[in-house]
C-alpha cells in the first residue's frame, strides 16, 4: 500500500485529513438498499423513512443500482415494465433522494478494506465512506454487513 500511495503522491493521512460531509451524523446506504426499494422487494417500505433523512452514498450508487435492475431483467426476475419503473425510481432518487459523494477520495481506503477482507472495491467503497464519516451503514448485502461489523461500523437493517 505504501508503494501505491507513493506512486500517486498521496499523503498517508489522506483519509483523516478530509472534512466530514456536513458536520452532522449521516447514514450511508449501498446499492442493495436502493435496489430493494426500487424493485419493491420485501421490506422496501422501511427504506422510505431512511430516504427522508437524505442519506449519503458514493457517486457510483446509481450505476450499480441500474446494473442490478438490468441483471434482474435479464434473469427474468422482473418484467420490462418493472425494470423501467425501477430505473425511473433509481434516477429520481439519485437526483434528489440522497447526497452522492465522490468515491475517488475513498479509493485507497476502499482498496485496503477490499484487500484485507477479500471483497470488491465497489463494496469496500461504501464501507470506507461510512468509516470516514464515523456513521452507520445500511445494507442488505450479507458480505458487506459482515465486513462492516468486523470494521466496527454500526449496521442498520435496510
Protein backbone atom coordinates (compact mmCIF):
# COMPACT_ATOMS: atom_id res chain seq x y z
CA UNK A 1 0.00 0.00 0.00
CA UNK A 2 2.86 2.40 0.72
CA UNK A 3 4.02 1.82 -2.85
CA UNK A 4 0.61 2.83 -4.24
CA UNK A 5 0.46 5.92 -2.04
CA UNK A 6 3.98 6.98 -3.07
CA UNK A 7 3.24 6.39 -6.76
CA UNK A 8 0.16 8.58 -6.52
CA UNK A 9 1.89 11.14 -4.27
CA UNK A 10 -0.95 10.91 -1.76
CA UNK A 11 -0.12 11.53 1.89
CA UNK A 12 -0.71 8.54 4.21
CA UNK A 13 -3.16 10.54 6.32
CA UNK A 14 -5.40 11.48 3.39
CA UNK A 15 -8.48 9.82 4.83
CA UNK A 16 -8.17 11.64 8.14
CA UNK A 17 -7.48 14.99 6.51
CA UNK A 18 -10.73 15.00 4.55
CA UNK A 19 -13.61 17.01 6.06
CA UNK A 20 -16.80 15.29 7.10
CA UNK A 21 -19.74 15.66 4.77
CA UNK A 22 -21.77 18.09 6.84
CA UNK A 23 -20.66 18.11 10.45
CA UNK A 24 -23.78 16.15 11.39
CA UNK A 25 -24.48 12.46 11.70
CA UNK A 26 -25.23 10.89 8.34
CA UNK A 27 -26.14 7.40 7.27
CA UNK A 28 -24.53 5.66 4.32
CA UNK A 29 -26.68 3.45 2.09
CA UNK A 30 -25.47 0.99 -0.50
CA UNK A 31 -26.94 -0.17 -3.79
CA UNK A 32 -28.64 -3.22 -2.25
CA UNK A 33 -30.92 -0.89 -0.29
CA UNK A 34 -31.74 1.31 -3.28
CA UNK A 35 -32.43 -1.73 -5.47
CA UNK A 36 -34.71 -3.27 -2.81
CA UNK A 37 -36.65 0.00 -2.71
CA UNK A 38 -36.82 0.41 -6.49
CA UNK A 39 -37.90 -3.19 -7.07
CA UNK A 40 -40.31 -3.15 -4.12
CA UNK A 41 -38.62 -6.19 -2.57
CA UNK A 42 -39.67 -7.46 0.87
CA UNK A 43 -39.36 -4.73 3.47
CA UNK A 44 -38.91 -1.91 0.96
CA UNK A 45 -41.31 0.28 2.92
CA UNK A 46 -38.75 0.62 5.70
CA UNK A 47 -36.39 2.39 3.33
CA UNK A 48 -38.82 5.30 2.86
CA UNK A 49 -38.13 6.71 6.32
CA UNK A 50 -34.41 6.47 5.72
CA UNK A 51 -34.72 8.35 2.44
CA UNK A 52 -36.43 11.25 4.20
CA UNK A 53 -33.21 11.75 6.18
CA UNK A 54 -31.26 12.27 2.94
CA UNK A 55 -28.62 9.57 3.46
CA UNK A 56 -25.24 9.64 1.75
CA UNK A 57 -23.64 7.22 -0.66
CA UNK A 58 -20.86 7.00 -3.21
CA UNK A 59 -21.48 8.51 -6.62
CA UNK A 60 -21.29 5.06 -8.19
CA UNK A 61 -24.57 4.11 -6.46
CA UNK A 62 -26.96 4.87 -9.36
CA UNK A 63 -24.81 2.94 -11.83
CA UNK A 64 -24.59 -0.09 -9.54
CA UNK A 65 -28.32 0.04 -8.83
CA UNK A 66 -29.20 0.38 -12.53
CA UNK A 67 -26.97 -2.60 -13.30
CA UNK A 68 -28.71 -4.70 -10.64
CA UNK A 69 -32.08 -3.82 -12.18
CA UNK A 70 -30.74 -4.82 -15.61
CA UNK A 71 -29.47 -8.15 -14.24
CA UNK A 72 -32.88 -8.83 -12.67
CA UNK A 73 -34.48 -8.14 -16.06
CA UNK A 74 -32.03 -10.36 -17.93
CA UNK A 75 -32.62 -13.19 -15.45
CA UNK A 76 -36.37 -12.68 -16.00
CA UNK A 77 -36.97 -11.96 -12.31
CA UNK A 78 -38.83 -8.80 -13.35
CA UNK A 79 -40.70 -7.61 -16.42
CA UNK A 80 -39.54 -4.89 -18.75
CA UNK A 81 -42.21 -2.58 -17.34
CA UNK A 82 -41.00 -3.25 -13.77
CA UNK A 83 -37.40 -2.61 -14.86
CA UNK A 84 -38.34 0.72 -16.45
CA UNK A 85 -40.20 1.80 -13.31
CA UNK A 86 -37.30 0.74 -11.08
CA UNK A 87 -34.85 2.65 -13.27
CA UNK A 88 -37.05 5.77 -13.02
CA UNK A 89 -37.00 5.43 -9.22
CA UNK A 90 -33.22 4.97 -9.15
CA UNK A 91 -32.75 8.02 -11.37
CA UNK A 92 -35.14 10.26 -9.43
CA UNK A 93 -33.72 9.32 -6.04
CA UNK A 94 -30.19 9.78 -7.30
CA UNK A 95 -31.01 13.36 -8.17
CA UNK A 96 -32.90 14.29 -5.01
CA UNK A 97 -33.13 11.43 -2.50
CA UNK A 98 -29.64 11.39 -1.11
CA UNK A 99 -26.25 13.02 -1.31
CA UNK A 100 -23.78 11.36 -3.64
CA UNK A 101 -20.14 11.62 -2.61
CA UNK A 102 -17.13 11.20 -4.88
CA UNK A 103 -15.59 7.78 -4.48
CA UNK A 104 -12.17 8.97 -5.63
CA UNK A 105 -11.02 10.28 -2.20
CA UNK A 106 -12.11 6.92 -0.76
CA UNK A 107 -10.23 4.78 -3.27
CA UNK A 108 -7.13 3.99 -1.22
CA UNK A 109 -9.10 3.22 1.91
CA UNK A 110 -11.53 1.09 -0.12
CA UNK A 111 -8.60 -0.75 -1.71
CA UNK A 112 -7.15 -1.57 1.72
CA UNK A 113 -10.51 -2.80 3.02
CA UNK A 114 -11.10 -4.86 -0.12
CA UNK A 115 -7.67 -6.47 0.08
CA UNK A 116 -7.85 -7.23 3.78
CA UNK A 117 -11.36 -8.68 3.67
CA UNK A 118 -11.39 -10.25 0.19
CA UNK A 119 -14.31 -8.20 -1.11
CA UNK A 120 -14.72 -5.97 -4.16
CA UNK A 121 -13.53 -2.39 -4.19
CA UNK A 122 -17.14 -1.40 -5.00
CA UNK A 123 -18.43 -2.91 -1.76
CA UNK A 124 -15.47 -1.57 0.18
CA UNK A 125 -16.14 1.97 -1.08
CA UNK A 126 -19.40 2.17 0.86
CA UNK A 127 -17.60 0.90 3.95
CA UNK A 128 -14.79 3.40 3.50
CA UNK A 129 -17.34 6.24 3.35
CA UNK A 130 -19.13 5.04 6.49
CA UNK A 131 -15.82 4.66 8.29
CA UNK A 132 -14.64 8.10 7.22
CA UNK A 133 -17.88 9.67 8.40
CA UNK A 134 -17.95 7.56 11.57
CA UNK A 135 -21.55 6.64 10.88
CA UNK A 136 -23.83 3.68 10.31
CA UNK A 137 -24.19 1.85 7.03
CA UNK A 138 -27.46 0.43 5.74
CA UNK A 139 -27.08 -2.65 3.57
CA UNK A 140 -28.80 -5.86 2.55
CA UNK A 141 -25.54 -7.35 1.30
CA UNK A 142 -24.52 -10.06 3.79
CA UNK A 143 -20.83 -9.79 2.87
CA UNK A 144 -20.84 -6.04 3.36
CA UNK A 145 -22.68 -6.37 6.67
CA UNK A 146 -20.14 -8.94 7.89
CA UNK A 147 -17.15 -6.78 6.98
CA UNK A 148 -18.81 -3.64 8.39
CA UNK A 149 -19.13 -5.39 11.74
CA UNK A 150 -15.50 -6.55 11.62
CA UNK A 151 -14.52 -2.91 10.98
CA UNK A 152 -16.55 -1.85 14.00
CA UNK A 153 -19.16 0.02 11.98
CA UNK A 154 -22.76 0.26 13.10
CA UNK A 155 -25.04 -1.62 10.70
CA UNK A 156 -28.71 -0.78 10.21
CA UNK A 157 -31.22 -3.04 8.51
CA UNK A 158 -32.42 -1.81 5.13
